Amino acid sequence: MYSDELLDHFHHPRNVGEIPEATAVVEVTNPACGDLMKLWAVVYDARIVEVKFKVAGCIPAIACGSWLTEAIRGKTLEEIAGLTTDRVEAGVGGLPSASRHAAVLVIDALQHLLARLSGSG
């Protein structure tokens, strides 16, 4: 049902936690399923230098949150602005159709983070 990559991110999530002195913090909820993601980031010179997350949700939501933090750490804001749900899905080795909301949740959190960092969120 779930790929090895997804299960690895679920069983060994990367970058879980909070950042007390974060540059920006966002929280998003998926109204369809109730999953919630909170994302903390420290930005220096337009680059994500530290990122942490917490998810209250399903196995795929936790895995996608873990994958997202690995994908954006060390990248510039410009580099991560183009991330899509398809890229998240590919990154975790695919998602069952009933779990695609997990990729939507993390991209929604990323978009809120980018908006907050640009001053429009």
N, C-alpha and C. Protein backbone atom coordinates (compact mmCIF):
# COMPACT_ATOMS: atom_id res chain seq x y z
N MET A 1 0.82 -1.20 0.00
CA MET A 1 0.00 0.00 0.00
C MET A 1 0.86 1.26 0.00
N TYR A 2 1.83 1.33 0.91
CA TYR A 2 2.72 2.49 0.98
C TYR A 2 4.11 2.10 0.49
N SER A 3 4.79 3.05 -0.15
CA SER A 3 6.14 2.80 -0.65
C SER A 3 7.15 2.71 0.50
N ASP A 4 8.30 2.13 0.19
CA ASP A 4 9.38 2.07 1.18
C ASP A 4 9.82 3.46 1.60
N GLU A 5 9.88 4.41 0.64
CA GLU A 5 10.29 5.78 0.95
C GLU A 5 9.32 6.43 1.92
N LEU A 6 8.02 6.26 1.65
CA LEU A 6 7.01 6.85 2.52
C LEU A 6 7.11 6.26 3.93
N LEU A 7 7.21 4.95 4.01
CA LEU A 7 7.30 4.31 5.33
C LEU A 7 8.56 4.71 6.08
N ASP A 8 9.67 4.91 5.35
CA ASP A 8 10.90 5.36 6.00
C ASP A 8 10.71 6.75 6.61
N HIS A 9 10.08 7.66 5.86
CA HIS A 9 9.83 9.00 6.39
C HIS A 9 8.84 8.97 7.55
N PHE A 10 7.90 8.03 7.52
CA PHE A 10 6.95 7.92 8.64
C PHE A 10 7.62 7.34 9.88
N HIS A 11 8.36 6.26 9.71
CA HIS A 11 8.99 5.61 10.86
C HIS A 11 10.19 6.37 11.40
N HIS A 12 10.84 7.14 10.55
CA HIS A 12 12.02 7.91 10.94
C HIS A 12 11.89 9.34 10.42
N PRO A 13 10.88 10.08 10.91
CA PRO A 13 10.67 11.43 10.38
C PRO A 13 11.85 12.34 10.68
N ARG A 14 12.20 13.13 9.68
CA ARG A 14 13.31 14.07 9.81
C ARG A 14 12.76 15.43 10.23
N ASN A 15 13.55 16.15 11.01
CA ASN A 15 13.28 17.55 11.34
C ASN A 15 11.96 17.78 12.10
N VAL A 16 11.62 16.87 12.99
CA VAL A 16 10.43 17.04 13.81
C VAL A 16 10.77 17.93 14.99
N GLY A 17 9.90 18.86 15.31
CA GLY A 17 10.10 19.70 16.47
C GLY A 17 9.72 21.13 16.21
N GLU A 18 10.18 21.99 17.08
CA GLU A 18 9.88 23.42 17.01
C GLU A 18 11.19 24.19 17.00
N ILE A 19 11.13 25.42 16.49
CA ILE A 19 12.28 26.32 16.50
C ILE A 19 11.85 27.58 17.25
N PRO A 20 12.34 27.76 18.47
CA PRO A 20 11.90 28.91 19.27
C PRO A 20 12.15 30.26 18.61
N GLU A 21 13.26 30.43 17.93
CA GLU A 21 13.60 31.72 17.33
C GLU A 21 13.43 31.69 15.81
N ALA A 22 12.36 31.06 15.35
CA ALA A 22 12.13 30.93 13.92
C ALA A 22 11.88 32.28 13.27
N THR A 23 12.30 32.40 12.02
CA THR A 23 12.01 33.58 11.23
C THR A 23 10.51 33.64 10.94
N ALA A 24 9.92 32.48 10.69
CA ALA A 24 8.49 32.40 10.39
C ALA A 24 7.93 31.06 10.86
N VAL A 25 6.67 31.10 11.28
CA VAL A 25 5.94 29.90 11.69
C VAL A 25 4.57 29.97 11.04
N VAL A 26 4.13 28.86 10.46
CA VAL A 26 2.80 28.79 9.89
C VAL A 26 2.11 27.52 10.35
N GLU A 27 0.79 27.57 10.34
CA GLU A 27 -0.03 26.41 10.69
C GLU A 27 -1.15 26.31 9.68
N VAL A 28 -1.32 25.14 9.11
CA VAL A 28 -2.39 24.93 8.13
C VAL A 28 -3.16 23.66 8.48
N THR A 29 -4.42 23.66 8.09
CA THR A 29 -5.28 22.51 8.30
C THR A 29 -5.91 22.12 6.98
N ASN A 30 -6.02 20.84 6.75
CA ASN A 30 -6.74 20.35 5.58
C ASN A 30 -8.18 20.12 6.01
N PRO A 31 -9.10 20.97 5.54
CA PRO A 31 -10.49 20.84 5.99
C PRO A 31 -11.15 19.52 5.57
N ALA A 32 -10.64 18.89 4.53
CA ALA A 32 -11.25 17.64 4.06
C ALA A 32 -11.02 16.48 5.04
N CYS A 33 -9.85 16.45 5.67
CA CYS A 33 -9.53 15.31 6.53
C CYS A 33 -9.21 15.71 7.97
N GLY A 34 -8.96 16.99 8.20
CA GLY A 34 -8.65 17.44 9.56
C GLY A 34 -7.18 17.40 9.92
N ASP A 35 -6.31 16.95 9.02
CA ASP A 35 -4.87 16.94 9.31
C ASP A 35 -4.39 18.37 9.53
N LEU A 36 -3.42 18.51 10.42
CA LEU A 36 -2.86 19.82 10.75
C LEU A 36 -1.35 19.75 10.67
N MET A 37 -0.76 20.78 10.06
CA MET A 37 0.70 20.86 9.98
C MET A 37 1.15 22.22 10.46
N LYS A 38 2.20 22.21 11.26
CA LYS A 38 2.84 23.44 11.69
C LYS A 38 4.28 23.37 11.19
N LEU A 39 4.75 24.49 10.61
CA LEU A 39 6.06 24.53 9.98
C LEU A 39 6.83 25.73 10.50
N TRP A 40 8.05 25.49 10.98
CA TRP A 40 8.95 26.54 11.47
C TRP A 40 10.13 26.63 10.52
N ALA A 41 10.60 27.85 10.25
CA ALA A 41 11.78 28.00 9.39
C ALA A 41 12.63 29.17 9.85
N VAL A 42 13.94 28.98 9.72
CA VAL A 42 14.90 30.05 9.92
C VAL A 42 15.49 30.35 8.55
N VAL A 43 15.41 31.61 8.18
CA VAL A 43 15.89 32.04 6.87
C VAL A 43 17.04 33.02 7.07
N TYR A 44 18.11 32.79 6.33
CA TYR A 44 19.24 33.69 6.35
C TYR A 44 19.68 33.90 4.91
N ASP A 45 19.77 35.15 4.50
CA ASP A 45 20.20 35.48 3.15
C ASP A 45 19.33 34.78 2.10
N ALA A 46 18.01 34.83 2.32
CA ALA A 46 17.00 34.25 1.42
C ALA A 46 17.13 32.75 1.25
N ARG A 47 17.69 32.07 2.24
CA ARG A 47 17.89 30.61 2.18
C ARG A 47 17.34 29.99 3.47
N ILE A 48 16.66 28.85 3.34
CA ILE A 48 16.17 28.11 4.50
C ILE A 48 17.38 27.44 5.15
N VAL A 49 17.77 27.90 6.33
CA VAL A 49 18.94 27.31 6.99
C VAL A 49 18.54 26.29 8.05
N GLU A 50 17.31 26.38 8.53
CA GLU A 50 16.80 25.40 9.48
C GLU A 50 15.30 25.31 9.30
N VAL A 51 14.76 24.11 9.42
CA VAL A 51 13.33 23.91 9.26
C VAL A 51 12.89 22.73 10.12
N LYS A 52 11.74 22.88 10.76
CA LYS A 52 11.16 21.82 11.60
C LYS A 52 9.66 21.78 11.34
N PHE A 53 9.06 20.66 11.66
CA PHE A 53 7.61 20.53 11.47
C PHE A 53 7.01 19.65 12.54
N LYS A 54 5.69 19.78 12.68
CA LYS A 54 4.87 18.87 13.46
C LYS A 54 3.60 18.65 12.67
N VAL A 55 3.13 17.41 12.65
CA VAL A 55 1.89 17.07 11.97
C VAL A 55 1.01 16.27 12.92
N ALA A 56 -0.26 16.65 12.98
CA ALA A 56 -1.28 15.84 13.62
C ALA A 56 -2.11 15.30 12.45
N GLY A 57 -1.85 14.06 12.09
CA GLY A 57 -2.55 13.52 10.94
C GLY A 57 -2.15 12.10 10.63
N CYS A 58 -2.44 11.71 9.42
CA CYS A 58 -2.25 10.34 8.97
C CYS A 58 -0.78 10.04 8.64
N ILE A 59 -0.53 8.77 8.38
CA ILE A 59 0.82 8.31 8.03
C ILE A 59 1.38 9.09 6.84
N PRO A 60 0.64 9.23 5.73
CA PRO A 60 1.19 9.99 4.61
C PRO A 60 1.46 11.46 4.93
N ALA A 61 0.65 12.08 5.77
CA ALA A 61 0.87 13.49 6.12
C ALA A 61 2.19 13.65 6.87
N ILE A 62 2.47 12.74 7.78
CA ILE A 62 3.74 12.79 8.52
C ILE A 62 4.91 12.57 7.57
N ALA A 63 4.79 11.58 6.70
CA ALA A 63 5.85 11.28 5.74
C ALA A 63 6.09 12.46 4.80
N CYS A 64 5.02 13.06 4.31
CA CYS A 64 5.18 14.19 3.39
C CYS A 64 5.79 15.40 4.10
N GLY A 65 5.45 15.61 5.36
CA GLY A 65 6.06 16.69 6.13
C GLY A 65 7.55 16.48 6.30
N SER A 66 7.93 15.25 6.59
CA SER A 66 9.35 14.92 6.73
C SER A 66 10.07 15.14 5.40
N TRP A 67 9.50 14.65 4.31
CA TRP A 67 10.13 14.82 3.00
C TRP A 67 10.27 16.30 2.67
N LEU A 68 9.22 17.08 2.91
CA LEU A 68 9.27 18.51 2.58
C LEU A 68 10.42 19.20 3.30
N THR A 69 10.59 18.94 4.58
CA THR A 69 11.66 19.62 5.32
C THR A 69 13.03 19.28 4.75
N GLU A 70 13.21 18.03 4.35
CA GLU A 70 14.48 17.66 3.74
C GLU A 70 14.66 18.34 2.38
N ALA A 71 13.58 18.47 1.65
CA ALA A 71 13.64 19.04 0.30
C ALA A 71 13.94 20.54 0.32
N ILE A 72 13.53 21.24 1.38
CA ILE A 72 13.70 22.69 1.36
C ILE A 72 14.89 23.18 2.18
N ARG A 73 15.42 22.35 3.05
CA ARG A 73 16.57 22.76 3.87
C ARG A 73 17.76 23.07 2.96
N GLY A 74 18.35 24.25 3.17
CA GLY A 74 19.51 24.66 2.41
C GLY A 74 19.19 25.31 1.07
N LYS A 75 17.93 25.33 0.71
CA LYS A 75 17.52 25.90 -0.58
C LYS A 75 17.12 27.36 -0.42
N THR A 76 17.21 28.10 -1.53
CA THR A 76 16.75 29.49 -1.52
C THR A 76 15.23 29.51 -1.62
N LEU A 77 14.65 30.63 -1.23
CA LEU A 77 13.20 30.77 -1.33
C LEU A 77 12.75 30.65 -2.78
N GLU A 78 13.55 31.15 -3.68
CA GLU A 78 13.24 31.05 -5.10
C GLU A 78 13.23 29.59 -5.56
N GLU A 79 14.19 28.81 -5.08
CA GLU A 79 14.27 27.40 -5.48
C GLU A 79 13.07 26.59 -5.00
N ILE A 80 12.55 26.91 -3.83
CA ILE A 80 11.46 26.10 -3.28
C ILE A 80 10.08 26.59 -3.71
N ALA A 81 10.02 27.78 -4.28
CA ALA A 81 8.72 28.34 -4.66
C ALA A 81 8.00 27.48 -5.70
N GLY A 82 8.73 26.73 -6.48
CA GLY A 82 8.12 25.92 -7.54
C GLY A 82 7.75 24.51 -7.14
N LEU A 83 7.94 24.14 -5.87
CA LEU A 83 7.59 22.78 -5.45
C LEU A 83 6.09 22.54 -5.61
N THR A 84 5.74 21.35 -6.06
CA THR A 84 4.34 21.01 -6.32
C THR A 84 3.94 19.74 -5.56
N THR A 85 2.65 19.50 -5.54
CA THR A 85 2.16 18.26 -4.92
C THR A 85 2.69 17.04 -5.67
N ASP A 86 2.84 17.16 -6.98
CA ASP A 86 3.39 16.04 -7.76
C ASP A 86 4.81 15.72 -7.33
N ARG A 87 5.60 16.75 -7.05
CA ARG A 87 6.99 16.54 -6.61
C ARG A 87 7.02 15.88 -5.23
N VAL A 88 6.12 16.31 -4.34
CA VAL A 88 6.04 15.70 -3.00
C VAL A 88 5.67 14.22 -3.16
N GLU A 89 4.66 13.97 -3.97
CA GLU A 89 4.21 12.59 -4.20
C GLU A 89 5.35 11.72 -4.72
N ALA A 90 6.08 12.24 -5.68
CA ALA A 90 7.22 11.49 -6.23
C ALA A 90 8.29 11.29 -5.17
N GLY A 91 8.50 12.30 -4.34
CA GLY A 91 9.53 12.23 -3.32
C GLY A 91 9.30 11.15 -2.28
N VAL A 92 8.04 10.85 -2.01
CA VAL A 92 7.74 9.79 -1.03
C VAL A 92 7.42 8.46 -1.72
N GLY A 93 7.71 8.40 -3.02
CA GLY A 93 7.51 7.14 -3.73
C GLY A 93 6.07 6.85 -4.11
N GLY A 94 5.25 7.90 -4.17
CA GLY A 94 3.85 7.75 -4.56
C GLY A 94 2.92 7.74 -3.36
N LEU A 95 1.69 8.11 -3.64
CA LEU A 95 0.64 8.12 -2.61
C LEU A 95 -0.61 7.43 -3.16
N PRO A 96 -1.28 6.65 -2.33
CA PRO A 96 -2.58 6.13 -2.76
C PRO A 96 -3.52 7.30 -3.04
N SER A 97 -4.45 7.13 -3.95
CA SER A 97 -5.33 8.25 -4.32
C SER A 97 -6.06 8.83 -3.11
N ALA A 98 -6.42 8.01 -2.15
CA ALA A 98 -7.12 8.50 -0.96
C ALA A 98 -6.20 9.29 -0.03
N SER A 99 -4.90 9.27 -0.29
CA SER A 99 -3.94 9.96 0.58
C SER A 99 -3.30 11.17 -0.07
N ARG A 100 -3.73 11.54 -1.25
CA ARG A 100 -3.11 12.67 -1.94
C ARG A 100 -3.28 13.99 -1.20
N HIS A 101 -4.26 14.03 -0.31
CA HIS A 101 -4.45 15.24 0.50
C HIS A 101 -3.22 15.57 1.33
N ALA A 102 -2.38 14.57 1.62
CA ALA A 102 -1.18 14.81 2.42
C ALA A 102 -0.19 15.70 1.67
N ALA A 103 -0.04 15.49 0.38
CA ALA A 103 0.84 16.34 -0.42
C ALA A 103 0.26 17.75 -0.53
N VAL A 104 -1.05 17.84 -0.62
CA VAL A 104 -1.70 19.16 -0.67
C VAL A 104 -1.45 19.91 0.64
N LEU A 105 -1.54 19.22 1.76
CA LEU A 105 -1.33 19.84 3.07
C LEU A 105 0.06 20.46 3.17
N VAL A 106 1.10 19.72 2.79
CA VAL A 106 2.45 20.24 2.96
C VAL A 106 2.77 21.36 1.97
N ILE A 107 2.25 21.28 0.76
CA ILE A 107 2.46 22.37 -0.20
C ILE A 107 1.69 23.61 0.25
N ASP A 108 0.52 23.42 0.83
CA ASP A 108 -0.23 24.55 1.39
C ASP A 108 0.59 25.22 2.50
N ALA A 109 1.20 24.41 3.37
CA ALA A 109 2.04 24.97 4.44
C ALA A 109 3.23 25.72 3.84
N LEU A 110 3.85 25.15 2.83
CA LEU A 110 4.98 25.81 2.18
C LEU A 110 4.56 27.15 1.58
N GLN A 111 3.43 27.17 0.90
CA GLN A 111 2.96 28.42 0.29
C GLN A 111 2.66 29.48 1.34
N HIS A 112 2.08 29.06 2.46
CA HIS A 112 1.84 30.01 3.57
C HIS A 112 3.16 30.53 4.13
N LEU A 113 4.14 29.64 4.24
CA LEU A 113 5.46 30.04 4.73
C LEU A 113 6.09 31.06 3.79
N LEU A 114 6.06 30.79 2.51
CA LEU A 114 6.63 31.72 1.54
C LEU A 114 5.90 33.06 1.57
N ALA A 115 4.59 33.03 1.72
CA ALA A 115 3.83 34.28 1.81
C ALA A 115 4.21 35.06 3.07
N ARG A 116 4.36 34.36 4.18
CA ARG A 116 4.76 35.02 5.43
C ARG A 116 6.14 35.65 5.30
N LEU A 117 7.05 34.91 4.66
CA LEU A 117 8.41 35.41 4.51
C LEU A 117 8.50 36.60 3.53
N SER A 118 7.57 36.64 2.59
CA SER A 118 7.58 37.75 1.63
C SER A 118 6.80 38.96 2.17
N GLY A 119 6.21 38.79 3.35
CA GLY A 119 5.49 39.89 3.97
C GLY A 119 4.03 40.00 3.55
N SER A 120 3.55 39.05 2.76
CA SER A 120 2.16 39.12 2.34
C SER A 120 1.27 38.10 3.03
N GLY A 121 1.82 37.43 4.05
CA GLY A 121 1.02 36.41 4.70
C GLY A 121 0.91 36.55 6.16
